[in-house]
């Protein structure tokens, strides 16, 4: 077993987790809008989605999906449609988003976990990323490929969870400050709508 490869994988994952992308932007916005606990629920949902993608990769399903244009496009369409649905729900939810400490229109932990999970699972770019990223870090000649992919997957989830949780906690602190500002809820409502639509466009056309 080559531990240097695992260390390199961990460092690469850490850097990638810090790079702006749909997942950490989603964590950022939801944490600012709803608080750190809700942000951590989103992180849990996203990481559960990564476990699904790890399983698909380990057993070769990801490669089948990538090479089947119909299935791949279908996932893109469903993913983009789900995000547009979330944007519509935010739009119809009221004039302003309730931020931490308020109860009106506040999202439950379960709802945010589900959003994070579905958004990750229905993101075909994660399939492509795992297919491109993980095979280059296989670290053993004796262990099965399935076991190595699961090891890398759990390591990826661990490192990403630490980074994303940090984003959620820091952003949750920002929400306490924004709570004292007028029109914050109104602004955050439209920021969320724009983020959902932007990620939908990214998934479908990117």
N, C-alpha and C. Protein backbone atom coordinates (compact mmCIF):
# COMPACT_ATOMS: atom_id res chain seq x y z
N UNK A 1 0.84 -1.19 0.00
CA UNK A 1 0.00 0.00 0.00
C UNK A 1 0.88 1.25 0.00
N UNK A 2 0.60 2.16 -0.92
CA UNK A 2 1.40 3.37 -1.05
C UNK A 2 0.70 4.54 -0.35
N UNK A 3 1.21 4.87 0.84
CA UNK A 3 0.58 5.94 1.62
C UNK A 3 0.86 7.32 1.04
N UNK A 4 1.94 7.44 0.28
CA UNK A 4 2.23 8.73 -0.37
C UNK A 4 1.13 9.09 -1.37
N UNK A 5 0.61 8.07 -2.05
CA UNK A 5 -0.47 8.32 -3.01
C UNK A 5 -1.73 8.77 -2.27
N UNK A 6 -2.02 8.14 -1.13
CA UNK A 6 -3.19 8.54 -0.35
C UNK A 6 -3.04 9.96 0.19
N UNK A 7 -1.82 10.32 0.59
CA UNK A 7 -1.57 11.68 1.06
C UNK A 7 -1.76 12.68 -0.08
N UNK A 8 -1.24 12.35 -1.26
CA UNK A 8 -1.40 13.23 -2.42
C UNK A 8 -2.87 13.38 -2.79
N UNK A 9 -3.62 12.28 -2.69
CA UNK A 9 -5.06 12.33 -2.97
C UNK A 9 -5.77 13.24 -1.98
N UNK A 10 -5.39 13.14 -0.71
CA UNK A 10 -6.02 13.97 0.33
C UNK A 10 -5.74 15.45 0.10
N UNK A 11 -4.50 15.77 -0.25
CA UNK A 11 -4.14 17.17 -0.51
C UNK A 11 -4.90 17.70 -1.72
N UNK A 12 -4.95 16.89 -2.78
CA UNK A 12 -5.67 17.31 -3.99
C UNK A 12 -7.15 17.52 -3.69
N UNK A 13 -7.74 16.63 -2.90
CA UNK A 13 -9.15 16.77 -2.52
C UNK A 13 -9.38 18.03 -1.71
N UNK A 14 -8.47 18.33 -0.80
CA UNK A 14 -8.58 19.54 0.02
C UNK A 14 -8.59 20.79 -0.85
N UNK A 15 -7.67 20.85 -1.80
CA UNK A 15 -7.58 22.01 -2.70
C UNK A 15 -8.84 22.11 -3.55
N UNK A 16 -9.29 20.99 -4.09
CA UNK A 16 -10.48 21.00 -4.94
C UNK A 16 -11.72 21.40 -4.15
N UNK A 17 -11.79 21.00 -2.88
CA UNK A 17 -12.95 21.34 -2.05
C UNK A 17 -13.02 22.84 -1.78
N UNK A 18 -11.87 23.48 -1.75
CA UNK A 18 -11.83 24.93 -1.53
C UNK A 18 -12.12 25.72 -2.79
N UNK A 19 -11.96 25.09 -3.95
CA UNK A 19 -12.19 25.78 -5.22
C UNK A 19 -13.68 26.05 -5.40
N UNK A 20 -14.04 27.26 -5.86
CA UNK A 20 -15.46 27.58 -6.04
C UNK A 20 -16.15 26.60 -6.99
N UNK A 21 -17.26 26.07 -6.56
CA UNK A 21 -18.04 25.14 -7.37
C UNK A 21 -19.47 25.11 -6.88
N UNK A 22 -20.35 24.41 -7.57
CA UNK A 22 -21.77 24.42 -7.20
C UNK A 22 -22.03 23.90 -5.79
N UNK A 23 -21.26 22.90 -5.35
CA UNK A 23 -21.52 22.32 -4.03
C UNK A 23 -21.17 23.27 -2.90
N UNK A 24 -19.94 23.80 -2.90
CA UNK A 24 -19.59 24.67 -1.78
C UNK A 24 -20.31 26.02 -1.84
N UNK A 25 -20.68 26.47 -3.04
CA UNK A 25 -21.48 27.69 -3.15
C UNK A 25 -22.87 27.44 -2.55
N UNK A 26 -23.42 26.25 -2.82
CA UNK A 26 -24.73 25.89 -2.26
C UNK A 26 -24.67 25.84 -0.74
N UNK A 27 -23.60 25.26 -0.19
CA UNK A 27 -23.42 25.22 1.26
C UNK A 27 -23.31 26.63 1.82
N UNK A 28 -22.55 27.47 1.15
CA UNK A 28 -22.36 28.86 1.59
C UNK A 28 -23.68 29.61 1.67
N UNK A 29 -24.47 29.55 0.60
CA UNK A 29 -25.72 30.31 0.55
C UNK A 29 -26.73 29.78 1.56
N UNK A 30 -26.85 28.46 1.67
CA UNK A 30 -27.83 27.90 2.61
C UNK A 30 -27.43 28.17 4.05
N UNK A 31 -26.13 28.19 4.33
CA UNK A 31 -25.67 28.47 5.70
C UNK A 31 -25.92 29.92 6.07
N UNK A 32 -25.68 30.82 5.13
CA UNK A 32 -25.95 32.24 5.39
C UNK A 32 -27.44 32.47 5.56
N UNK A 33 -28.24 31.80 4.74
CA UNK A 33 -29.69 32.01 4.75
C UNK A 33 -30.37 31.36 5.96
N UNK A 34 -29.89 30.18 6.36
CA UNK A 34 -30.61 29.40 7.36
C UNK A 34 -29.83 29.13 8.64
N UNK A 35 -28.51 29.33 8.64
CA UNK A 35 -27.72 29.06 9.83
C UNK A 35 -26.81 27.86 9.66
N UNK A 36 -25.87 27.69 10.60
CA UNK A 36 -24.83 26.67 10.45
C UNK A 36 -25.39 25.25 10.54
N UNK A 37 -26.40 25.01 11.39
CA UNK A 37 -26.95 23.66 11.49
C UNK A 37 -27.57 23.22 10.17
N UNK A 38 -28.29 24.15 9.54
CA UNK A 38 -28.89 23.84 8.24
C UNK A 38 -27.81 23.65 7.18
N UNK A 39 -26.74 24.44 7.28
CA UNK A 39 -25.62 24.29 6.36
C UNK A 39 -24.96 22.92 6.50
N UNK A 40 -24.82 22.47 7.75
CA UNK A 40 -24.23 21.15 7.99
C UNK A 40 -25.14 20.03 7.48
N UNK A 41 -26.45 20.27 7.50
CA UNK A 41 -27.39 19.29 6.94
C UNK A 41 -27.18 19.16 5.43
N UNK A 42 -26.93 20.30 4.77
CA UNK A 42 -26.64 20.28 3.34
C UNK A 42 -25.35 19.50 3.08
N UNK A 43 -24.33 19.74 3.91
CA UNK A 43 -23.06 19.02 3.77
C UNK A 43 -23.29 17.51 3.89
N UNK A 44 -24.09 17.10 4.87
CA UNK A 44 -24.38 15.68 5.06
C UNK A 44 -25.07 15.09 3.82
N UNK A 45 -25.98 15.85 3.24
CA UNK A 45 -26.66 15.39 2.03
C UNK A 45 -25.71 15.25 0.86
N UNK A 46 -24.85 16.24 0.68
CA UNK A 46 -23.88 16.20 -0.42
C UNK A 46 -22.93 15.02 -0.26
N UNK A 47 -22.46 14.78 0.96
CA UNK A 47 -21.52 13.69 1.19
C UNK A 47 -22.19 12.33 1.02
N UNK A 48 -23.47 12.24 1.37
CA UNK A 48 -24.21 10.99 1.11
C UNK A 48 -24.30 10.74 -0.39
N UNK A 49 -24.46 11.81 -1.15
CA UNK A 49 -24.46 11.68 -2.60
C UNK A 49 -23.12 11.20 -3.12
N UNK A 50 -22.04 11.68 -2.51
CA UNK A 50 -20.70 11.23 -2.91
C UNK A 50 -20.51 9.74 -2.65
N UNK A 51 -21.14 9.23 -1.59
CA UNK A 51 -21.07 7.80 -1.31
C UNK A 51 -21.76 7.00 -2.42
N UNK A 52 -22.88 7.53 -2.91
CA UNK A 52 -23.57 6.89 -4.03
C UNK A 52 -22.68 6.87 -5.26
N UNK A 53 -22.04 8.01 -5.55
CA UNK A 53 -21.15 8.09 -6.72
C UNK A 53 -19.94 7.15 -6.57
N UNK A 54 -19.44 7.01 -5.34
CA UNK A 54 -18.33 6.08 -5.10
C UNK A 54 -18.75 4.65 -5.42
N UNK A 55 -19.96 4.29 -5.01
CA UNK A 55 -20.47 2.95 -5.29
C UNK A 55 -20.64 2.73 -6.79
N UNK A 56 -21.19 3.73 -7.47
CA UNK A 56 -21.35 3.62 -8.93
C UNK A 56 -20.01 3.46 -9.62
N UNK A 57 -19.00 4.19 -9.14
CA UNK A 57 -17.66 4.09 -9.73
C UNK A 57 -17.05 2.73 -9.45
N UNK A 58 -17.14 2.27 -8.21
CA UNK A 58 -16.49 1.02 -7.81
C UNK A 58 -17.00 -0.18 -8.59
N UNK A 59 -18.28 -0.15 -8.94
CA UNK A 59 -18.87 -1.30 -9.63
C UNK A 59 -19.09 -1.06 -11.12
N UNK A 60 -18.46 -0.01 -11.65
CA UNK A 60 -18.46 0.20 -13.09
C UNK A 60 -19.69 0.84 -13.67
N UNK A 61 -20.65 1.22 -12.82
CA UNK A 61 -21.90 1.81 -13.33
C UNK A 61 -21.65 3.21 -13.89
N UNK A 62 -20.74 3.95 -13.27
CA UNK A 62 -20.45 5.31 -13.73
C UNK A 62 -19.96 5.32 -15.18
N UNK A 63 -19.10 4.35 -15.52
CA UNK A 63 -18.58 4.27 -16.89
C UNK A 63 -19.70 3.98 -17.87
N UNK A 64 -20.64 3.13 -17.47
CA UNK A 64 -21.79 2.81 -18.33
C UNK A 64 -22.63 4.06 -18.56
N UNK A 65 -22.89 4.81 -17.49
CA UNK A 65 -23.70 6.03 -17.60
C UNK A 65 -23.02 7.05 -18.50
N UNK A 66 -21.71 7.23 -18.30
CA UNK A 66 -20.97 8.21 -19.08
C UNK A 66 -21.01 7.88 -20.57
N UNK A 67 -20.96 6.61 -20.90
CA UNK A 67 -20.90 6.19 -22.30
C UNK A 67 -22.28 5.96 -22.93
N UNK A 68 -23.33 6.22 -22.17
CA UNK A 68 -24.69 6.10 -22.70
C UNK A 68 -25.31 7.50 -22.76
N UNK A 69 -25.32 8.12 -23.94
CA UNK A 69 -25.81 9.51 -24.07
C UNK A 69 -27.23 9.71 -23.55
N UNK A 70 -28.09 8.71 -23.73
CA UNK A 70 -29.48 8.85 -23.30
C UNK A 70 -29.58 8.94 -21.78
N UNK A 71 -28.91 8.03 -21.08
CA UNK A 71 -28.94 8.05 -19.62
C UNK A 71 -28.26 9.29 -19.09
N UNK A 72 -27.10 9.63 -19.67
CA UNK A 72 -26.34 10.78 -19.20
C UNK A 72 -27.14 12.07 -19.36
N UNK A 73 -27.76 12.24 -20.53
CA UNK A 73 -28.57 13.43 -20.77
C UNK A 73 -29.79 13.45 -19.86
N UNK A 74 -30.37 12.28 -19.63
CA UNK A 74 -31.53 12.21 -18.74
C UNK A 74 -31.21 12.68 -17.34
N UNK A 75 -30.04 12.29 -16.83
CA UNK A 75 -29.62 12.74 -15.50
C UNK A 75 -29.41 14.24 -15.49
N UNK A 76 -28.81 14.78 -16.55
CA UNK A 76 -28.61 16.23 -16.65
C UNK A 76 -29.94 16.96 -16.62
N UNK A 77 -30.91 16.46 -17.37
CA UNK A 77 -32.22 17.11 -17.45
C UNK A 77 -32.92 17.08 -16.09
N UNK A 78 -32.92 15.91 -15.44
CA UNK A 78 -33.57 15.79 -14.13
C UNK A 78 -32.87 16.67 -13.09
N UNK A 79 -31.53 16.71 -13.14
CA UNK A 79 -30.78 17.54 -12.20
C UNK A 79 -31.09 19.01 -12.37
N UNK A 80 -31.07 19.48 -13.62
CA UNK A 80 -31.37 20.89 -13.90
C UNK A 80 -32.82 21.22 -13.54
N UNK A 81 -33.74 20.30 -13.86
CA UNK A 81 -35.16 20.52 -13.56
C UNK A 81 -35.39 20.61 -12.06
N UNK A 82 -34.69 19.78 -11.29
CA UNK A 82 -34.84 19.81 -9.83
C UNK A 82 -34.38 21.16 -9.27
N UNK A 83 -33.27 21.66 -9.77
CA UNK A 83 -32.76 22.95 -9.29
C UNK A 83 -33.69 24.09 -9.68
N UNK A 84 -34.26 24.03 -10.87
CA UNK A 84 -35.23 25.05 -11.28
C UNK A 84 -36.48 24.96 -10.40
N UNK A 85 -36.87 23.75 -10.03
CA UNK A 85 -38.00 23.57 -9.11
C UNK A 85 -37.70 24.23 -7.77
N UNK A 86 -36.48 24.05 -7.25
CA UNK A 86 -36.10 24.68 -5.99
C UNK A 86 -36.14 26.20 -6.11
N UNK A 87 -35.70 26.72 -7.26
CA UNK A 87 -35.74 28.17 -7.47
C UNK A 87 -37.18 28.68 -7.44
N UNK A 88 -38.08 27.94 -8.06
CA UNK A 88 -39.50 28.33 -8.07
C UNK A 88 -40.07 28.29 -6.65
N UNK A 89 -39.71 27.27 -5.87
CA UNK A 89 -40.20 27.16 -4.50
C UNK A 89 -39.72 28.33 -3.64
N UNK A 90 -38.47 28.75 -3.85
CA UNK A 90 -37.96 29.91 -3.11
C UNK A 90 -38.73 31.15 -3.52
N UNK A 91 -38.98 31.29 -4.82
CA UNK A 91 -39.71 32.46 -5.32
C UNK A 91 -41.12 32.53 -4.73
N UNK A 92 -41.77 31.38 -4.63
CA UNK A 92 -43.15 31.34 -4.14
C UNK A 92 -43.23 31.32 -2.61
N UNK A 93 -42.07 31.23 -1.95
CA UNK A 93 -42.07 31.04 -0.51
C UNK A 93 -42.34 32.27 0.31
N UNK A 94 -42.37 33.44 -0.28
CA UNK A 94 -42.60 34.66 0.47
C UNK A 94 -41.76 35.79 -0.06
N UNK A 95 -41.96 36.96 0.52
CA UNK A 95 -41.23 38.14 0.06
C UNK A 95 -39.77 38.12 0.47
N UNK A 96 -39.46 37.39 1.54
CA UNK A 96 -38.09 37.36 2.04
C UNK A 96 -37.81 36.01 2.68
N UNK A 97 -36.53 35.65 2.72
CA UNK A 97 -36.11 34.40 3.36
C UNK A 97 -35.84 34.66 4.83
N UNK A 98 -36.35 33.77 5.67
CA UNK A 98 -36.07 33.88 7.10
C UNK A 98 -34.64 33.43 7.35
N UNK A 99 -33.86 34.24 8.05
CA UNK A 99 -32.49 33.86 8.37
C UNK A 99 -32.44 33.31 9.78
N UNK A 100 -31.27 32.90 10.21
CA UNK A 100 -31.13 32.19 11.48
C UNK A 100 -31.78 32.96 12.61
N UNK A 101 -32.54 32.23 13.44
CA UNK A 101 -33.20 32.86 14.56
C UNK A 101 -34.63 33.20 14.28
N UNK A 102 -35.07 33.12 13.03
CA UNK A 102 -36.44 33.40 12.66
C UNK A 102 -37.11 32.08 12.29
N UNK A 103 -38.42 32.04 12.37
CA UNK A 103 -39.13 30.80 12.09
C UNK A 103 -39.86 30.82 10.75
N UNK A 104 -40.21 31.98 10.27
CA UNK A 104 -41.00 32.08 9.04
C UNK A 104 -40.20 31.54 7.85
N UNK A 105 -40.81 30.58 7.15
CA UNK A 105 -40.22 30.01 5.93
C UNK A 105 -38.88 29.32 6.17
N UNK A 106 -38.55 29.02 7.43
CA UNK A 106 -37.26 28.40 7.72
C UNK A 106 -37.26 26.94 7.28
N UNK A 107 -36.23 26.52 6.58
CA UNK A 107 -36.17 25.16 6.05
C UNK A 107 -35.73 24.18 7.14
N UNK A 108 -36.31 22.99 7.10
CA UNK A 108 -35.96 21.96 8.07
C UNK A 108 -34.63 21.30 7.70
N UNK A 109 -34.01 20.65 8.70
CA UNK A 109 -32.75 19.96 8.45
C UNK A 109 -32.95 18.84 7.42
N UNK A 110 -34.08 18.14 7.54
CA UNK A 110 -34.36 17.05 6.61
C UNK A 110 -34.51 17.52 5.18
N UNK A 111 -35.20 18.66 5.01
CA UNK A 111 -35.41 19.20 3.66
C UNK A 111 -34.08 19.61 3.03
N UNK A 112 -33.20 20.21 3.82
CA UNK A 112 -31.91 20.65 3.29
C UNK A 112 -30.98 19.47 3.03
N UNK A 113 -31.06 18.44 3.88
CA UNK A 113 -30.30 17.21 3.62
C UNK A 113 -30.73 16.62 2.28
N UNK A 114 -32.04 16.55 2.07
CA UNK A 114 -32.57 15.99 0.83
C UNK A 114 -32.11 16.80 -0.37
N UNK A 115 -32.15 18.14 -0.25
CA UNK A 115 -31.72 18.99 -1.37
C UNK A 115 -30.26 18.73 -1.71
N UNK A 116 -29.40 18.66 -0.69
CA UNK A 116 -27.99 18.40 -0.94
C UNK A 116 -27.76 17.05 -1.58
N UNK A 117 -28.48 16.04 -1.09
CA UNK A 117 -28.32 14.68 -1.62
C UNK A 117 -28.77 14.59 -3.07
N UNK A 118 -29.98 15.07 -3.35
CA UNK A 118 -30.52 14.97 -4.71
C UNK A 118 -29.68 15.79 -5.69
N UNK A 119 -29.27 16.99 -5.26
CA UNK A 119 -28.46 17.83 -6.13
C UNK A 119 -27.15 17.15 -6.52
N UNK A 120 -26.53 16.45 -5.56
CA UNK A 120 -25.27 15.78 -5.84
C UNK A 120 -25.47 14.55 -6.71
N UNK A 121 -26.45 13.73 -6.39
CA UNK A 121 -26.68 12.49 -7.13
C UNK A 121 -27.08 12.78 -8.58
N UNK A 122 -27.85 13.84 -8.80
CA UNK A 122 -28.31 14.17 -10.15
C UNK A 122 -27.36 15.10 -10.89
N UNK A 123 -26.14 15.21 -10.40
CA UNK A 123 -25.13 16.02 -11.08
C UNK A 123 -24.20 15.09 -11.88
N UNK A 124 -24.39 14.99 -13.19
CA UNK A 124 -23.57 14.06 -13.98
C UNK A 124 -22.10 14.46 -14.02
N UNK A 125 -21.80 15.71 -13.69
CA UNK A 125 -20.41 16.15 -13.69
C UNK A 125 -19.63 15.48 -12.56
N UNK A 126 -20.33 15.10 -11.50
CA UNK A 126 -19.66 14.35 -10.43
C UNK A 126 -19.25 12.97 -10.93
N UNK A 127 -20.09 12.36 -11.75
CA UNK A 127 -19.75 11.07 -12.36
C UNK A 127 -18.46 11.19 -13.16
N UNK A 128 -18.41 12.21 -14.02
CA UNK A 128 -17.22 12.41 -14.86
C UNK A 128 -16.00 12.71 -14.00
N UNK A 129 -16.18 13.53 -12.97
CA UNK A 129 -15.07 13.89 -12.09
C UNK A 129 -14.51 12.66 -11.38
N UNK A 130 -15.37 11.84 -10.82
CA UNK A 130 -14.90 10.64 -10.13
C UNK A 130 -14.17 9.70 -11.09
N UNK A 131 -14.72 9.55 -12.30
CA UNK A 131 -14.08 8.69 -13.30
C UNK A 131 -12.70 9.20 -13.69
N UNK A 132 -12.54 10.51 -13.74
CA UNK A 132 -11.26 11.10 -14.16
C UNK A 132 -10.26 11.17 -13.00
N UNK A 133 -10.77 11.40 -11.79
CA UNK A 133 -9.91 11.72 -10.65
C UNK A 133 -9.44 10.47 -9.89
N UNK A 134 -10.34 9.59 -9.56
CA UNK A 134 -10.01 8.47 -8.67
C UNK A 134 -9.03 7.45 -9.26
N UNK A 135 -9.19 7.02 -10.52
CA UNK A 135 -8.30 5.97 -11.04
C UNK A 135 -6.82 6.33 -11.00
N UNK A 136 -6.50 7.61 -11.06
CA UNK A 136 -5.10 8.03 -11.02
C UNK A 136 -4.46 7.88 -9.65
N UNK A 137 -5.26 7.53 -8.64
CA UNK A 137 -4.74 7.42 -7.27
C UNK A 137 -4.91 6.02 -6.68
N UNK A 138 -5.06 5.02 -7.54
CA UNK A 138 -5.08 3.64 -7.04
C UNK A 138 -3.73 3.36 -6.38
N UNK A 139 -3.76 2.79 -5.18
CA UNK A 139 -2.58 2.81 -4.32
C UNK A 139 -2.03 1.44 -3.93
N UNK A 140 -2.60 0.36 -4.47
CA UNK A 140 -2.15 -0.97 -4.06
C UNK A 140 -2.25 -1.97 -5.20
N UNK A 141 -1.26 -2.86 -5.26
CA UNK A 141 -1.29 -3.93 -6.25
C UNK A 141 -1.99 -5.18 -5.72
N UNK A 142 -2.20 -5.22 -4.41
CA UNK A 142 -2.77 -6.43 -3.80
C UNK A 142 -4.26 -6.29 -3.49
N UNK A 143 -4.72 -5.08 -3.19
CA UNK A 143 -6.13 -4.87 -2.87
C UNK A 143 -6.97 -4.80 -4.14
N UNK A 144 -8.22 -5.21 -4.04
CA UNK A 144 -9.11 -5.14 -5.19
C UNK A 144 -9.39 -3.69 -5.56
N UNK A 145 -9.72 -3.46 -6.82
CA UNK A 145 -10.04 -2.11 -7.29
C UNK A 145 -11.26 -1.56 -6.56
N UNK A 146 -12.24 -2.42 -6.30
CA UNK A 146 -13.45 -1.99 -5.59
C UNK A 146 -13.09 -1.45 -4.21
N UNK A 147 -12.27 -2.18 -3.46
CA UNK A 147 -11.87 -1.74 -2.13
C UNK A 147 -11.07 -0.45 -2.18
N UNK A 148 -10.20 -0.31 -3.18
CA UNK A 148 -9.41 0.91 -3.31
C UNK A 148 -10.31 2.11 -3.63
N UNK A 149 -11.29 1.91 -4.51
CA UNK A 149 -12.20 3.01 -4.84
C UNK A 149 -13.01 3.43 -3.61
N UNK A 150 -13.44 2.45 -2.82
CA UNK A 150 -14.18 2.80 -1.59
C UNK A 150 -13.29 3.52 -0.59
N UNK A 151 -12.03 3.10 -0.49
CA UNK A 151 -11.09 3.77 0.40
C UNK A 151 -10.90 5.23 -0.03
N UNK A 152 -10.69 5.43 -1.33
CA UNK A 152 -10.55 6.79 -1.85
C UNK A 152 -11.84 7.58 -1.66
N UNK A 153 -12.97 6.92 -1.86
CA UNK A 153 -14.26 7.59 -1.69
C UNK A 153 -14.47 8.08 -0.27
N UNK A 154 -14.19 7.23 0.71
CA UNK A 154 -14.36 7.63 2.10
C UNK A 154 -13.36 8.72 2.49
N UNK A 155 -12.15 8.65 1.95
CA UNK A 155 -11.16 9.69 2.20
C UNK A 155 -11.61 11.01 1.59
N UNK A 156 -12.17 10.94 0.37
CA UNK A 156 -12.70 12.13 -0.29
C UNK A 156 -13.83 12.74 0.53
N UNK A 157 -14.72 11.90 1.02
CA UNK A 157 -15.85 12.38 1.83
C UNK A 157 -15.36 13.00 3.14
N UNK A 158 -14.37 12.38 3.77
CA UNK A 158 -13.84 12.89 5.03
C UNK A 158 -13.23 14.28 4.85
N UNK A 159 -12.34 14.41 3.87
CA UNK A 159 -11.67 15.70 3.65
C UNK A 159 -12.67 16.76 3.21
N UNK A 160 -13.55 16.41 2.29
CA UNK A 160 -14.54 17.37 1.80
C UNK A 160 -15.49 17.80 2.91
N UNK A 161 -15.84 16.85 3.80
CA UNK A 161 -16.73 17.17 4.92
C UNK A 161 -16.11 18.21 5.84
N UNK A 162 -14.82 18.06 6.10
CA UNK A 162 -14.12 19.01 6.97
C UNK A 162 -14.14 20.41 6.35
N UNK A 163 -13.81 20.49 5.05
CA UNK A 163 -13.79 21.79 4.37
C UNK A 163 -15.18 22.39 4.30
N UNK A 164 -16.15 21.61 3.85
CA UNK A 164 -17.51 22.12 3.69
C UNK A 164 -18.14 22.48 5.04
N UNK A 165 -17.83 21.71 6.08
CA UNK A 165 -18.35 22.02 7.41
C UNK A 165 -17.77 23.34 7.91
N UNK A 166 -16.49 23.57 7.60
CA UNK A 166 -15.89 24.86 7.95
C UNK A 166 -16.59 26.01 7.26
N UNK A 167 -16.92 25.82 5.98
CA UNK A 167 -17.66 26.84 5.24
C UNK A 167 -19.02 27.07 5.88
N UNK A 168 -19.71 25.99 6.26
CA UNK A 168 -21.04 26.09 6.86
C UNK A 168 -20.99 26.84 8.19
N UNK A 169 -20.01 26.51 9.02
CA UNK A 169 -19.91 27.14 10.34
C UNK A 169 -19.58 28.62 10.22
N UNK A 170 -18.61 28.95 9.38
CA UNK A 170 -18.24 30.36 9.20
C UNK A 170 -19.38 31.15 8.58
N UNK A 171 -20.06 30.57 7.60
CA UNK A 171 -21.17 31.25 6.94
C UNK A 171 -22.34 31.41 7.90
N UNK A 172 -22.52 30.42 8.78
CA UNK A 172 -23.58 30.53 9.78
C UNK A 172 -23.35 31.68 10.73
N UNK A 173 -22.09 31.95 11.03
CA UNK A 173 -21.78 33.11 11.88
C UNK A 173 -22.11 34.42 11.16
N UNK A 174 -21.89 34.43 9.85
CA UNK A 174 -22.22 35.63 9.06
C UNK A 174 -23.72 35.89 9.12
N UNK A 175 -24.52 34.81 9.13
CA UNK A 175 -25.97 34.99 9.14
C UNK A 175 -26.43 35.70 10.41
N UNK A 176 -25.72 35.50 11.53
CA UNK A 176 -26.09 36.19 12.76
C UNK A 176 -25.90 37.70 12.62
N UNK A 177 -24.85 38.07 11.88
CA UNK A 177 -24.61 39.50 11.65
C UNK A 177 -25.65 40.07 10.68
N UNK A 178 -25.93 39.33 9.62
CA UNK A 178 -26.88 39.81 8.62
C UNK A 178 -28.29 39.92 9.16
N UNK A 179 -28.59 39.17 10.21
CA UNK A 179 -29.92 39.18 10.81
C UNK A 179 -30.31 40.57 11.28
N UNK A 180 -29.30 41.39 11.61
CA UNK A 180 -29.57 42.73 12.13
C UNK A 180 -29.75 43.76 11.02
N UNK A 181 -29.54 43.37 9.77
CA UNK A 181 -29.60 44.31 8.66
C UNK A 181 -30.96 44.25 7.96
N UNK A 182 -31.45 45.41 7.58
CA UNK A 182 -32.72 45.48 6.87
C UNK A 182 -32.58 44.90 5.47
N UNK A 183 -33.65 44.30 4.99
CA UNK A 183 -33.77 43.76 3.64
C UNK A 183 -32.83 42.59 3.37
N UNK A 184 -32.17 42.08 4.41
CA UNK A 184 -31.29 40.93 4.21
C UNK A 184 -32.06 39.73 3.66
N UNK A 185 -33.23 39.45 4.25
CA UNK A 185 -34.03 38.32 3.80
C UNK A 185 -34.45 38.43 2.35
N UNK A 186 -34.81 39.64 1.93
CA UNK A 186 -35.22 39.87 0.54
C UNK A 186 -34.05 39.63 -0.41
N UNK A 187 -32.88 40.14 -0.03
CA UNK A 187 -31.69 39.98 -0.87
C UNK A 187 -31.29 38.50 -0.96
N UNK A 188 -31.31 37.80 0.18
CA UNK A 188 -30.93 36.39 0.19
C UNK A 188 -31.89 35.54 -0.62
N UNK A 189 -33.17 35.94 -0.62
CA UNK A 189 -34.14 35.21 -1.45
C UNK A 189 -33.70 35.21 -2.90
N UNK A 190 -33.36 36.38 -3.41
CA UNK A 190 -33.00 36.48 -4.83
C UNK A 190 -31.61 35.92 -5.11
N UNK A 191 -30.72 35.97 -4.12
CA UNK A 191 -29.42 35.33 -4.29
C UNK A 191 -29.61 33.82 -4.43
N UNK A 192 -30.48 33.23 -3.60
CA UNK A 192 -30.74 31.80 -3.70
C UNK A 192 -31.33 31.44 -5.06
N UNK A 193 -32.29 32.23 -5.51
CA UNK A 193 -32.92 31.97 -6.81
C UNK A 193 -31.88 31.99 -7.92
N UNK A 194 -31.02 33.01 -7.90
CA UNK A 194 -29.98 33.14 -8.92
C UNK A 194 -29.00 31.97 -8.86
N UNK A 195 -28.63 31.56 -7.63
CA UNK A 195 -27.70 30.44 -7.46
C UNK A 195 -28.31 29.15 -8.00
N UNK A 196 -29.57 28.88 -7.67
CA UNK A 196 -30.23 27.67 -8.17
C UNK A 196 -30.28 27.66 -9.70
N UNK A 197 -30.68 28.78 -10.28
CA UNK A 197 -30.77 28.86 -11.74
C UNK A 197 -29.38 28.74 -12.37
N UNK A 198 -28.39 29.40 -11.75
CA UNK A 198 -27.03 29.33 -12.26
C UNK A 198 -26.46 27.93 -12.25
N UNK A 199 -26.69 27.19 -11.15
CA UNK A 199 -26.20 25.81 -11.07
C UNK A 199 -26.94 24.93 -12.08
N UNK A 200 -28.24 25.18 -12.27
CA UNK A 200 -29.01 24.41 -13.25
C UNK A 200 -28.44 24.60 -14.65
N UNK A 201 -28.12 25.84 -15.00
CA UNK A 201 -27.52 26.13 -16.31
C UNK A 201 -26.15 25.46 -16.43
N UNK A 202 -25.38 25.50 -15.33
CA UNK A 202 -24.06 24.87 -15.31
C UNK A 202 -24.16 23.37 -15.55
N UNK A 203 -25.12 22.73 -14.87
CA UNK A 203 -25.28 21.28 -15.02
C UNK A 203 -25.70 20.90 -16.44
N UNK A 204 -26.59 21.69 -17.01
CA UNK A 204 -27.16 21.30 -18.30
C UNK A 204 -26.27 21.67 -19.48
N UNK A 205 -25.67 22.86 -19.41
CA UNK A 205 -24.91 23.35 -20.57
C UNK A 205 -23.39 23.30 -20.37
N UNK A 206 -22.95 23.18 -19.12
CA UNK A 206 -21.51 23.25 -18.84
C UNK A 206 -20.74 22.04 -19.34
